[in-house]
Protein backbone atom coordinates (compact mmCIF):
# COMPACT_ATOMS: atom_id res chain seq x y z
CA MET A 1 25.04 40.56 -15.06
CA HIS A 2 24.86 37.27 -13.02
CA PRO A 3 22.11 36.01 -12.62
CA PHE A 4 22.43 34.87 -8.61
CA ASP A 5 24.60 38.06 -7.86
CA ILE A 6 22.52 39.32 -5.24
CA LYS A 7 23.86 42.71 -4.48
CA ALA A 8 23.63 43.89 -8.14
CA LEU A 9 19.98 42.77 -7.63
CA LEU A 10 18.94 44.84 -4.84
CA GLN A 11 20.94 47.77 -6.34
CA GLU A 12 19.07 47.97 -9.80
CA LYS A 13 17.03 50.85 -9.62
CA HIS A 14 13.85 49.10 -11.11
CA ALA A 15 14.34 45.26 -10.46
CA GLN A 16 12.62 44.80 -7.22
CA HIS A 17 9.07 46.28 -8.49
CA VAL A 18 9.47 44.20 -11.53
CA VAL A 19 10.12 40.92 -9.36
CA LEU A 20 7.75 41.63 -7.10
CA ILE A 21 4.79 42.09 -9.49
CA HIS A 22 3.97 38.74 -10.78
CA PHE A 23 3.03 37.82 -7.00
CA PRO A 24 -0.33 39.79 -6.74
CA ILE A 25 -1.05 39.38 -10.54
CA ALA A 26 -0.30 35.42 -10.03
CA LEU A 27 -2.13 35.16 -6.88
CA PHE A 28 -5.42 37.49 -7.70
CA ILE A 29 -6.08 35.62 -10.58
CA SER A 30 -5.57 31.96 -9.41
CA GLY A 31 -8.05 33.25 -6.07
CA ALA A 32 -10.60 34.40 -8.69
CA ALA A 33 -10.61 31.48 -10.62
CA LEU A 34 -10.61 29.03 -7.90
CA ASP A 35 -13.30 31.23 -6.32
CA PHE A 36 -15.44 30.91 -9.81
CA ALA A 37 -14.24 27.20 -9.60
CA ALA A 38 -16.42 27.08 -5.65
CA HIS A 39 -18.83 28.79 -6.68
CA TRP A 40 -20.19 26.32 -9.60
CA THR A 41 -18.97 23.55 -7.62
CA LYS A 42 -19.88 24.19 -4.50
CA LYS A 43 -16.60 22.21 -3.25
CA ASN A 44 -15.20 24.50 0.31
CA SER A 45 -11.93 23.22 -0.34
CA LEU A 46 -11.71 25.55 -3.12
CA ALA A 47 -13.15 28.28 -1.38
CA VAL A 48 -10.67 27.68 1.38
CA ALA A 49 -8.20 27.60 -1.55
CA ALA A 50 -9.10 30.78 -3.39
CA TYR A 51 -9.54 32.70 0.25
CA CYS A 52 -5.58 31.89 0.91
CA ASN A 53 -4.38 32.73 -2.78
CA LEU A 54 -6.34 36.57 -1.90
CA LEU A 55 -4.83 37.07 1.21
CA LEU A 56 -1.94 36.44 -0.10
CA ALA A 57 -2.29 38.67 -3.00
CA ALA A 58 -3.27 41.40 -0.86
CA VAL A 59 -0.40 41.17 1.32
CA ALA A 60 1.80 40.74 -1.67
CA THR A 61 0.51 44.20 -2.95
CA LEU A 62 1.97 46.17 -0.04
CA PRO A 63 5.98 45.43 -0.94
CA THR A 64 5.16 46.00 -5.20
CA VAL A 65 3.02 49.31 -4.17
CA ALA A 66 6.14 50.33 -2.35
CA THR A 67 8.66 48.93 -4.78
CA GLY A 68 6.54 50.47 -7.76
CA PHE A 69 6.53 53.89 -6.12
CA VAL A 70 10.61 53.34 -5.47
CA ALA A 71 11.64 52.36 -9.12
CA TRP A 72 9.52 55.65 -10.17
CA GLN A 73 12.11 57.66 -8.09
CA TRP A 74 15.13 55.96 -8.99
CA ALA A 75 14.63 55.05 -12.35
CA LEU A 76 11.85 57.42 -13.88
CA GLU A 77 14.04 60.15 -11.74
CA GLY A 78 10.45 60.96 -9.96
CA GLN A 79 9.16 62.62 -13.34
CA HIS A 80 6.04 64.27 -13.56
CA LEU A 81 2.90 61.98 -13.59
CA ASN A 82 1.56 62.17 -17.02
CA GLY A 83 0.71 59.76 -19.62
CA ILE A 84 1.34 56.18 -19.73
CA LEU A 85 3.40 56.43 -16.10
CA LEU A 86 -0.02 58.69 -14.87
CA MET A 87 -2.25 55.86 -16.08
CA HIS A 88 -0.11 53.06 -14.84
CA VAL A 89 -0.08 54.56 -11.70
CA ILE A 90 -3.99 54.99 -11.39
CA PHE A 91 -4.86 51.63 -12.50
CA GLY A 92 -2.12 50.06 -9.69
CA LEU A 93 -3.58 51.71 -7.45
CA ILE A 94 -7.22 50.96 -8.09
CA SER A 95 -5.86 46.71 -8.74
CA THR A 96 -4.89 46.88 -5.71
CA LEU A 97 -7.82 48.70 -4.02
CA LEU A 98 -9.80 46.36 -5.71
CA ILE A 99 -7.75 42.99 -4.56
CA TRP A 100 -8.36 44.27 -0.90
CA VAL A 101 -12.11 44.63 -1.38
CA VAL A 102 -12.22 41.57 -2.56
CA TRP A 103 -10.13 39.69 -0.07
CA ARG A 104 -12.65 41.52 2.69
CA ILE A 105 -15.56 40.42 1.16
CA HIS A 106 -14.01 37.25 1.41
CA PHE A 107 -12.85 37.53 5.21
CA ARG A 108 -15.92 39.17 6.67
CA VAL A 109 -18.10 36.33 5.47
CA ARG A 110 -15.87 33.88 6.48
CA ARG A 111 -15.88 35.50 10.43
CA VAL A 112 -19.85 35.62 10.09
CA GLU A 113 -21.42 31.83 10.86
CA GLY A 114 -24.14 30.85 8.38
CA MET A 115 -23.46 33.93 5.91
CA SER A 116 -22.78 33.61 2.29
CA LEU A 117 -20.59 35.16 -0.31
CA PRO A 118 -22.64 37.79 -2.86
CA SER A 119 -23.10 36.55 -6.01
CA TRP A 120 -21.71 40.58 -7.08
CA ARG A 121 -18.34 39.59 -5.86
CA LEU A 122 -17.46 37.46 -8.96
CA PRO A 123 -17.76 40.17 -11.75
CA LEU A 124 -16.52 42.63 -9.29
CA GLU A 125 -12.97 39.47 -9.07
CA PHE A 126 -13.72 39.40 -13.37
CA VAL A 127 -12.91 43.06 -12.71
CA GLY A 128 -10.11 43.07 -10.96
CA VAL A 129 -8.34 40.22 -13.34
CA VAL A 130 -9.05 43.04 -16.41
CA LEU A 131 -7.87 45.51 -14.49
CA LEU A 132 -4.28 43.75 -13.44
CA GLY A 133 -4.05 42.97 -17.30
CA VAL A 134 -4.35 46.61 -17.84
CA THR A 135 -1.75 47.66 -15.61
CA GLY A 136 0.48 45.10 -16.52
CA HIS A 137 0.30 46.10 -19.82
CA LEU A 138 1.10 49.79 -19.27
CA GLY A 139 3.78 48.77 -17.06
CA GLY A 140 5.35 46.47 -19.77
CA LEU A 141 5.26 49.51 -22.15
CA LEU A 142 6.91 51.67 -19.79
CA SER A 143 9.40 49.38 -18.90
CA GLY A 144 9.64 49.01 -23.07
CA VAL A 145 8.89 45.47 -22.42
CA ASN A 146 5.86 46.11 -25.08
CA VAL A 147 6.83 47.82 -27.29
């Protein structure tokens, strides 16, 4: 397959999920890192960058989850959810929910004048990064990359 063959890429049974998953992972990890840096340096520019990354990570989860379910139906032929596949789906949905919760915390604080971010968001973001790592590892096991 030619690397720039768009038709072949779109017809591959799981390629879209494999490509799209990197966006919410990278955006959330960088958003959490920027938020940690903004918390310690008290720089507003880092907080704005963190918010933008978290927003984009949340939005990027939508096509990622959708293509994950499509990959399950096409590439795995809708096999029963058990074992690694079940864990990957559960951790993926929990990670998605956590990304949206973290973004919502930042969104709510930005809308209310004088409100500050709760300090408990930092451990929540750390848990989100760990969950994303576990989910990605399980996905790698499913795809055969992490054998």
